[in-house]
Amino acid sequence: MDERDLIYSPLQQIYREKDRWVEICIYRMPDTGWSLEVIDDKHNSTVWDGEFENDHDALEFAMNEIHTMGMVDFIESPPSNSLH
């Protein structure tokens, strides 16, 4: 994989809640589905296995995970890297 070929979603963003934040990274190679990675304010990274059909689905999944767990719990004990 050549990182120069990565296509980044315009939906990537930093989500803040109080004094904590996560960076939601959504990217793909030219001939693949979208990958999801969330990097927290302590520089821990969570990457989900599998691919999303589109970048909107990836963002919706990330936001659901964060809201379901709560920001602090998401950062302190991120979900296991599992298929979505």
PDB file of N, CA and C in Angstrom:
ATOM      1  N   MET A   1       0.848  -1.184   0.000  1.00  0.00           N
ATOM      2  CA  MET A   1       0.000   0.000   0.000  1.00  0.00           C
ATOM      3  C   MET A   1       0.885   1.237   0.000  1.00  0.00           C
ATOM      4  N   ASP A   2       0.637   2.107  -0.919  1.00  0.00           N
ATOM      5  CA  ASP A   2       1.346   3.371  -0.998  1.00  0.00           C
ATOM      6  C   ASP A   2       0.437   4.458  -0.446  1.00  0.00           C
ATOM      7  N   GLU A   3       0.827   5.045   0.667  1.00  0.00           N
ATOM      8  CA  GLU A   3      -0.031   6.032   1.324  1.00  0.00           C
ATOM      9  C   GLU A   3      -0.353   7.228   0.443  1.00  0.00           C
ATOM     10  N   ARG A   4       0.430   7.443  -0.603  1.00  0.00           N
ATOM     11  CA  ARG A   4       0.133   8.554  -1.520  1.00  0.00           C
ATOM     12  C   ARG A   4      -1.142   8.294  -2.308  1.00  0.00           C
ATOM     13  N   ASP A   5      -1.568   7.016  -2.366  1.00  0.00           N
ATOM     14  CA  ASP A   5      -2.787   6.667  -3.087  1.00  0.00           C
ATOM     15  C   ASP A   5      -4.043   6.771  -2.223  1.00  0.00           C
ATOM     16  N   LEU A   6      -3.880   7.001  -0.932  1.00  0.00           N
ATOM     17  CA  LEU A   6      -5.042   7.087  -0.046  1.00  0.00           C
ATOM     18  C   LEU A   6      -5.959   8.241  -0.442  1.00  0.00           C
ATOM     19  N   ILE A   7      -7.247   7.963  -0.381  1.00  0.00           N
ATOM     20  CA  ILE A   7      -8.261   8.979  -0.628  1.00  0.00           C
ATOM     21  C   ILE A   7      -8.908   9.264   0.721  1.00  0.00           C
ATOM     22  N   TYR A   8      -8.848  10.511   1.152  1.00  0.00           N
ATOM     23  CA  TYR A   8      -9.406  10.897   2.446  1.00  0.00           C
ATOM     24  C   TYR A   8     -10.805  11.477   2.258  1.00  0.00           C
ATOM     25  N   SER A   9     -11.709  11.100   3.128  1.00  0.00           N
ATOM     26  CA  SER A   9     -13.078  11.592   3.072  1.00  0.00           C
ATOM     27  C   SER A   9     -13.149  13.040   3.552  1.00  0.00           C
ATOM     28  N   PRO A  10     -13.971  13.842   2.904  1.00  0.00           N
ATOM     29  CA  PRO A  10     -14.199  15.200   3.416  1.00  0.00           C
ATOM     30  C   PRO A  10     -14.994  15.193   4.723  1.00  0.00           C
ATOM     31  N   LEU A  11     -15.495  14.017   5.127  1.00  0.00           N
ATOM     32  CA  LEU A  11     -16.245  13.903   6.377  1.00  0.00           C
ATOM     33  C   LEU A  11     -15.344  13.718   7.595  1.00  0.00           C
ATOM     34  N   GLN A  12     -14.036  13.526   7.375  1.00  0.00           N
ATOM     35  CA  GLN A  12     -13.118  13.410   8.512  1.00  0.00           C
ATOM     36  C   GLN A  12     -13.278  14.643   9.392  1.00  0.00           C
ATOM     37  N   GLN A  13     -13.122  14.430  10.697  1.00  0.00           N
ATOM     38  CA  GLN A  13     -13.325  15.559  11.596  1.00  0.00           C
ATOM     39  C   GLN A  13     -12.769  15.278  12.978  1.00  0.00           C
ATOM     40  N   ILE A  14     -12.644  16.332  13.735  1.00  0.00           N
ATOM     41  CA  ILE A  14     -12.326  16.210  15.149  1.00  0.00           C
ATOM     42  C   ILE A  14     -13.625  16.444  15.899  1.00  0.00           C
ATOM     43  N   TYR A  15     -13.983  15.466  16.732  1.00  0.00           N
ATOM     44  CA  TYR A  15     -15.201  15.566  17.530  1.00  0.00           C
ATOM     45  C   TYR A  15     -14.789  15.881  18.958  1.00  0.00           C
ATOM     46  N   ARG A  16     -15.352  16.946  19.514  1.00  0.00           N
ATOM     47  CA  ARG A  16     -15.017  17.390  20.871  1.00  0.00           C
ATOM     48  C   ARG A  16     -16.224  17.250  21.777  1.00  0.00           C
ATOM     49  N   GLU A  17     -15.913  16.860  22.995  1.00  0.00           N
ATOM     50  CA  GLU A  17     -16.938  16.808  24.035  1.00  0.00           C
ATOM     51  C   GLU A  17     -16.276  17.254  25.329  1.00  0.00           C
ATOM     52  N   LYS A  18     -16.698  18.405  25.811  1.00  0.00           N
ATOM     53  CA  LYS A  18     -16.088  19.045  26.982  1.00  0.00           C
ATOM     54  C   LYS A  18     -14.608  19.259  26.690  1.00  0.00           C
ATOM     55  N   ASP A  19     -13.724  18.704  27.524  1.00  0.00           N
ATOM     56  CA  ASP A  19     -12.299  18.939  27.319  1.00  0.00           C
ATOM     57  C   ASP A  19     -11.592  17.748  26.661  1.00  0.00           C
ATOM     58  N   ARG A  20     -12.329  16.837  26.067  1.00  0.00           N
ATOM     59  CA  ARG A  20     -11.755  15.657  25.406  1.00  0.00           C
ATOM     60  C   ARG A  20     -12.077  15.709  23.915  1.00  0.00           C
ATOM     61  N   TRP A  21     -11.294  15.012  23.102  1.00  0.00           N
ATOM     62  CA  TRP A  21     -11.555  14.982  21.668  1.00  0.00           C
ATOM     63  C   TRP A  21     -11.059  13.683  21.051  1.00  0.00           C
ATOM     64  N   VAL A  22     -11.623  13.376  19.905  1.00  0.00           N
ATOM     65  CA  VAL A  22     -11.157  12.275  19.063  1.00  0.00           C
ATOM     66  C   VAL A  22     -11.116  12.781  17.627  1.00  0.00           C
ATOM     67  N   GLU A  23     -10.177  12.260  16.877  1.00  0.00           N
ATOM     68  CA  GLU A  23     -10.100  12.544  15.449  1.00  0.00           C
ATOM     69  C   GLU A  23     -10.683  11.349  14.709  1.00  0.00           C
ATOM     70  N   ILE A  24     -11.692  11.578  13.906  1.00  0.00           N
ATOM     71  CA  ILE A  24     -12.337  10.521  13.134  1.00  0.00           C
ATOM     72  C   ILE A  24     -11.726  10.554  11.739  1.00  0.00           C
ATOM     73  N   CYS A  25     -10.989   9.491  11.400  1.00  0.00           N
ATOM     74  CA  CYS A  25     -10.292   9.400  10.119  1.00  0.00           C
ATOM     75  C   CYS A  25     -11.009   8.378   9.236  1.00  0.00           C
ATOM     76  N   ILE A  26     -11.365   8.789   8.047  1.00  0.00           N
ATOM     77  CA  ILE A  26     -12.064   7.933   7.100  1.00  0.00           C
ATOM     78  C   ILE A  26     -11.294   8.010   5.786  1.00  0.00           C
ATOM     79  N   TYR A  27     -10.842   6.862   5.292  1.00  0.00           N
ATOM     80  CA  TYR A  27     -10.003   6.855   4.090  1.00  0.00           C
ATOM     81  C   TYR A  27     -10.141   5.531   3.354  1.00  0.00           C
ATOM     82  N   ARG A  28      -9.665   5.523   2.120  1.00  0.00           N
ATOM     83  CA  ARG A  28      -9.708   4.308   1.316  1.00  0.00           C
ATOM     84  C   ARG A  28      -8.633   4.364   0.240  1.00  0.00           C
ATOM     85  N   MET A  29      -8.373   3.217  -0.340  1.00  0.00           N
ATOM     86  CA  MET A  29      -7.532   3.114  -1.528  1.00  0.00           C
ATOM     87  C   MET A  29      -8.465   3.253  -2.729  1.00  0.00           C
ATOM     88  N   PRO A  30      -7.930   3.507  -3.917  1.00  0.00           N
ATOM     89  CA  PRO A  30      -8.792   3.715  -5.084  1.00  0.00           C
ATOM     90  C   PRO A  30      -9.796   2.593  -5.354  1.00  0.00           C
ATOM     91  N   ASP A  31      -9.459   1.348  -5.084  1.00  0.00           N
ATOM     92  CA  ASP A  31     -10.348   0.232  -5.420  1.00  0.00           C
ATOM     93  C   ASP A  31     -10.865  -0.524  -4.200  1.00  0.00           C
ATOM     94  N   THR A  32     -11.007   0.161  -3.059  1.00  0.00           N
ATOM     95  CA  THR A  32     -11.485  -0.507  -1.840  1.00  0.00           C
ATOM     96  C   THR A  32     -12.637   0.285  -1.231  1.00  0.00           C
ATOM     97  N   GLY A  33     -13.239  -0.309  -0.207  1.00  0.00           N
ATOM     98  CA  GLY A  33     -14.234   0.407   0.581  1.00  0.00           C
ATOM     99  C   GLY A  33     -13.532   1.343   1.549  1.00  0.00           C
ATOM    100  N   TRP A  34     -14.329   1.998   2.376  1.00  0.00           N
ATOM    101  CA  TRP A  34     -13.806   2.985   3.320  1.00  0.00           C
ATOM    102  C   TRP A  34     -13.369   2.331   4.629  1.00  0.00           C
ATOM    103  N   SER A  35     -12.240   2.768   5.157  1.00  0.00           N
ATOM    104  CA  SER A  35     -11.727   2.322   6.456  1.00  0.00           C
ATOM    105  C   SER A  35     -12.003   3.409   7.481  1.00  0.00           C
ATOM    106  N   LEU A  36     -12.129   2.966   8.733  1.00  0.00           N
ATOM    107  CA  LEU A  36     -12.418   3.887   9.828  1.00  0.00           C
ATOM    108  C   LEU A  36     -11.360   3.740  10.906  1.00  0.00           C
ATOM    109  N   GLU A  37     -10.800   4.871  11.320  1.00  0.00           N
ATOM    110  CA  GLU A  37      -9.832   4.921  12.413  1.00  0.00           C
ATOM    111  C   GLU A  37     -10.199   6.101  13.293  1.00  0.00           C
ATOM    112  N   VAL A  38     -10.181   5.884  14.595  1.00  0.00           N
ATOM    113  CA  VAL A  38     -10.435   6.968  15.538  1.00  0.00           C
ATOM    114  C   VAL A  38      -9.208   7.093  16.430  1.00  0.00           C
ATOM    115  N   ILE A  39      -8.660   8.301  16.482  1.00  0.00           N
ATOM    116  CA  ILE A  39      -7.476   8.591  17.291  1.00  0.00           C
ATOM    117  C   ILE A  39      -7.915   9.520  18.410  1.00  0.00           C
ATOM    118  N   ASP A  40      -7.618   9.111  19.663  1.00  0.00           N
ATOM    119  CA  ASP A  40      -8.072   9.943  20.780  1.00  0.00           C
ATOM    120  C   ASP A  40      -7.027  10.970  21.176  1.00  0.00           C
ATOM    121  N   ASP A  41      -7.375  11.780  22.156  1.00  0.00           N
ATOM    122  CA  ASP A  41      -6.516  12.880  22.586  1.00  0.00           C
ATOM    123  C   ASP A  41      -5.254  12.421  23.313  1.00  0.00           C
ATOM    124  N   LYS A  42      -5.138  11.117  23.537  1.00  0.00           N
ATOM    125  CA  LYS A  42      -3.917  10.539  24.125  1.00  0.00           C
ATOM    126  C   LYS A  42      -3.104   9.829  23.043  1.00  0.00           C
ATOM    127  N   HIS A  43      -3.522   9.976  21.774  1.00  0.00           N
ATOM    128  CA  HIS A  43      -2.872   9.410  20.594  1.00  0.00           C
ATOM    129  C   HIS A  43      -3.020   7.895  20.484  1.00  0.00           C
ATOM    130  N   ASN A  44      -4.054   7.349  21.126  1.00  0.00           N
ATOM    131  CA  ASN A  44      -4.387   5.936  20.958  1.00  0.00           C
ATOM    132  C   ASN A  44      -5.267   5.809  19.722  1.00  0.00           C
ATOM    133  N   SER A  45      -5.031   4.768  18.962  1.00  0.00           N
ATOM    134  CA  SER A  45      -5.753   4.582  17.713  1.00  0.00           C
ATOM    135  C   SER A  45      -6.610   3.327  17.768  1.00  0.00           C
ATOM    136  N   THR A  46      -7.843   3.432  17.289  1.00  0.00           N
ATOM    137  CA  THR A  46      -8.736   2.291  17.141  1.00  0.00           C
ATOM    138  C   THR A  46      -9.098   2.196  15.666  1.00  0.00           C
ATOM    139  N   VAL A  47      -8.809   1.047  15.059  1.00  0.00           N
ATOM    140  CA  VAL A  47      -9.122   0.811  13.656  1.00  0.00           C
ATOM    141  C   VAL A  47     -10.065  -0.377  13.590  1.00  0.00           C
ATOM    142  N   TRP A  48     -11.155  -0.225  12.869  1.00  0.00           N
ATOM    143  CA  TRP A  48     -12.118  -1.321  12.735  1.00  0.00           C
ATOM    144  C   TRP A  48     -11.761  -2.186  11.551  1.00  0.00           C
ATOM    145  N   ASP A  49     -11.924  -3.505  11.730  1.00  0.00           N
ATOM    146  CA  ASP A  49     -11.752  -4.448  10.636  1.00  0.00           C
ATOM    147  C   ASP A  49     -12.900  -4.269   9.663  1.00  0.00           C
ATOM    148  N   GLY A  50     -12.682  -4.671   8.459  1.00  0.00           N
ATOM    149  CA  GLY A  50     -13.736  -4.578   7.462  1.00  0.00           C
ATOM    150  C   GLY A  50     -13.782  -3.193   6.840  1.00  0.00           C
ATOM    151  N   GLU A  51     -14.635  -3.063   5.859  1.00  0.00           N
ATOM    152  CA  GLU A  51     -14.761  -1.803   5.137  1.00  0.00           C
ATOM    153  C   GLU A  51     -16.210  -1.355   5.114  1.00  0.00           C
ATOM    154  N   PHE A  52     -16.389  -0.069   4.950  1.00  0.00           N
ATOM    155  CA  PHE A  52     -17.711   0.522   4.840  1.00  0.00           C
ATOM    156  C   PHE A  52     -17.976   0.822   3.364  1.00  0.00           C
ATOM    157  N   GLU A  53     -19.235   0.708   2.976  1.00  0.00           N
ATOM    158  CA  GLU A  53     -19.600   0.948   1.590  1.00  0.00           C
ATOM    159  C   GLU A  53     -19.368   2.400   1.191  1.00  0.00           C
ATOM    160  N   ASN A  54     -19.634   3.309   2.135  1.00  0.00           N
ATOM    161  CA  ASN A  54     -19.402   4.724   1.840  1.00  0.00           C
ATOM    162  C   ASN A  54     -18.931   5.447   3.102  1.00  0.00           C
ATOM    163  N   ASP A  55     -18.430   6.656   2.898  1.00  0.00           N
ATOM    164  CA  ASP A  55     -17.864   7.405   4.018  1.00  0.00           C
ATOM    165  C   ASP A  55     -18.932   7.880   4.999  1.00  0.00           C
ATOM    166  N   HIS A  56     -20.153   8.072   4.533  1.00  0.00           N
ATOM    167  CA  HIS A  56     -21.246   8.464   5.440  1.00  0.00           C
ATOM    168  C   HIS A  56     -21.529   7.346   6.451  1.00  0.00           C
ATOM    169  N   ASP A  57     -21.525   6.096   5.976  1.00  0.00           N
ATOM    170  CA  ASP A  57     -21.742   4.958   6.881  1.00  0.00           C
ATOM    171  C   ASP A  57     -20.631   4.872   7.927  1.00  0.00           C
ATOM    172  N   ALA A  58     -19.397   5.114   7.509  1.00  0.00           N
ATOM    173  CA  ALA A  58     -18.268   5.069   8.441  1.00  0.00           C
ATOM    174  C   ALA A  58     -18.409   6.134   9.523  1.00  0.00           C
ATOM    175  N   LEU A  59     -18.760   7.348   9.123  1.00  0.00           N
ATOM    176  CA  LEU A  59     -18.925   8.434  10.100  1.00  0.00           C
ATOM    177  C   LEU A  59     -20.084   8.129  11.041  1.00  0.00           C
ATOM    178  N   GLU A  60     -21.192   7.656  10.509  1.00  0.00           N
ATOM    179  CA  GLU A  60     -22.346   7.325  11.349  1.00  0.00           C
ATOM    180  C   GLU A  60     -21.992   6.238  12.354  1.00  0.00           C
ATOM    181  N   PHE A  61     -21.242   5.231  11.922  1.00  0.00           N
ATOM    182  CA  PHE A  61     -20.823   4.159  12.817  1.00  0.00           C
ATOM    183  C   PHE A  61     -19.936   4.707  13.935  1.00  0.00           C
ATOM    184  N   ALA A  62     -18.970   5.554  13.587  1.00  0.00           N
ATOM    185  CA  ALA A  62     -18.074   6.137  14.588  1.00  0.00           C
ATOM    186  C   ALA A  62     -18.852   6.946  15.614  1.00  0.00           C
ATOM    187  N   MET A  63     -19.753   7.784  15.154  1.00  0.00           N
ATOM    188  CA  MET A  63     -20.519   8.623  16.071  1.00  0.00           C
ATOM    189  C   MET A  63     -21.425   7.772  16.968  1.00  0.00           C
ATOM    190  N   ASN A  64     -22.003   6.718  16.412  1.00  0.00           N
ATOM    191  CA  ASN A  64     -22.829   5.817  17.229  1.00  0.00           C
ATOM    192  C   ASN A  64     -21.998   5.149  18.314  1.00  0.00           C
ATOM    193  N   GLU A  65     -20.797   4.690  17.967  1.00  0.00           N
ATOM    194  CA  GLU A  65     -19.914   4.060  18.957  1.00  0.00           C
ATOM    195  C   GLU A  65     -19.567   5.043  20.074  1.00  0.00           C
ATOM    196  N   ILE A  66     -19.216   6.264  19.703  1.00  0.00           N
ATOM    197  CA  ILE A  66     -18.836   7.278  20.690  1.00  0.00           C
ATOM    198  C   ILE A  66     -20.021   7.618  21.593  1.00  0.00           C
ATOM    199  N   HIS A  67     -21.187   7.813  21.002  1.00  0.00           N
ATOM    200  CA  HIS A  67     -22.364   8.176  21.803  1.00  0.00           C
ATOM    201  C   HIS A  67     -22.862   7.011  22.648  1.00  0.00           C
ATOM    202  N   THR A  68     -22.783   5.797  22.136  1.00  0.00           N
ATOM    203  CA  THR A  68     -23.235   4.630  22.888  1.00  0.00           C
ATOM    204  C   THR A  68     -22.351   4.393  24.110  1.00  0.00           C
ATOM    205  N   MET A  69     -21.040   4.473  23.913  1.00  0.00           N
ATOM    206  CA  MET A  69     -20.108   4.228  25.012  1.00  0.00           C
ATOM    207  C   MET A  69     -19.943   5.441  25.916  1.00  0.00           C
ATOM    208  N   GLY A  70     -20.118   6.627  25.349  1.00  0.00           N
ATOM    209  CA  GLY A  70     -19.777   7.856  26.054  1.00  0.00           C
ATOM    210  C   GLY A  70     -18.337   8.205  25.734  1.00  0.00           C
ATOM    211  N   MET A  71     -18.046   9.473  25.609  1.00  0.00           N
ATOM    212  CA  MET A  71     -16.718   9.916  25.187  1.00  0.00           C
ATOM    213  C   MET A  71     -15.613   9.407  26.102  1.00  0.00           C
ATOM    214  N   VAL A  72     -15.772   9.544  27.399  1.00  0.00           N
ATOM    215  CA  VAL A  72     -14.714   9.138  28.329  1.00  0.00           C
ATOM    216  C   VAL A  72     -14.487   7.629  28.265  1.00  0.00           C
ATOM    217  N   ASP A  73     -15.556   6.847  28.271  1.00  0.00           N
ATOM    218  CA  ASP A  73     -15.404   5.397  28.192  1.00  0.00           C
ATOM    219  C   ASP A  73     -14.814   4.976  26.856  1.00  0.00           C
ATOM    220  N   PHE A  74     -15.191   5.649  25.781  1.00  0.00           N
ATOM    221  CA  PHE A  74     -14.632   5.333  24.477  1.00  0.00           C
ATOM    222  C   PHE A  74     -13.119   5.542  24.485  1.00  0.00           C
ATOM    223  N   ILE A  75     -12.686   6.663  25.051  1.00  0.00           N
ATOM    224  CA  ILE A  75     -11.255   6.969  25.095  1.00  0.00           C
ATOM    225  C   ILE A  75     -10.524   6.046  26.071  1.00  0.00           C
ATOM    226  N   GLU A  76     -11.101   5.831  27.235  1.00  0.00           N
ATOM    227  CA  GLU A  76     -10.427   5.054  28.277  1.00  0.00           C
ATOM    228  C   GLU A  76     -10.378   3.561  27.947  1.00  0.00           C
ATOM    229  N   SER A  77     -11.410   3.035  27.315  1.00  0.00           N
ATOM    230  CA  SER A  77     -11.424   1.612  26.932  1.00  0.00           C
ATOM    231  C   SER A  77     -12.119   1.474  25.584  1.00  0.00           C
ATOM    232  N   PRO A  78     -11.375   1.760  24.490  1.00  0.00           N
ATOM    233  CA  PRO A  78     -11.973   1.755  23.160  1.00  0.00           C
ATOM    234  C   PRO A  78     -12.550   0.382  22.814  1.00  0.00           C
ATOM    235  N   PRO A  79     -13.527   0.372  21.911  1.00  0.00           N
ATOM    236  CA  PRO A  79     -14.129  -0.900  21.509  1.00  0.00           C
ATOM    237  C   PRO A  79     -13.098  -1.797  20.859  1.00  0.00           C
ATOM    238  N   SER A  80     -13.345  -3.092  20.902  1.00  0.00           N
ATOM    239  CA  SER A  80     -12.415  -4.009  20.240  1.00  0.00           C
ATOM    240  C   SER A  80     -12.498  -3.805  18.744  1.00  0.00           C
ATOM    241  N   ASN A  81     -11.414  -4.078  18.078  1.00  0.00           N
ATOM    242  CA  ASN A  81     -11.380  -3.943  16.626  1.00  0.00           C
ATOM    243  C   ASN A  81     -12.178  -5.083  16.024  1.00  0.00           C
ATOM    244  N   SER A  82     -13.423  -4.809  15.730  1.00  0.00           N
ATOM    245  CA  SER A  82     -14.293  -5.870  15.246  1.00  0.00           C
ATOM    246  C   SER A  82     -14.961  -5.454  13.955  1.00  0.00           C
ATOM    247  N   LEU A  83     -15.502  -6.422  13.302  1.00  0.00           N
ATOM    248  CA  LEU A  83     -16.256  -6.135  12.093  1.00  0.00           C
ATOM    249  C   LEU A  83     -17.482  -5.342  12.441  1.00  0.00           C
ATOM    250  N   HIS A  84     -17.835  -4.412  11.632  1.00  0.00           N
ATOM    251  CA  HIS A  84     -19.036  -3.614  11.866  1.00  0.00           C
ATOM    252  C   HIS A  84     -20.234  -4.277  11.245  1.00  0.00           C
TER     253      HIS A  84
END
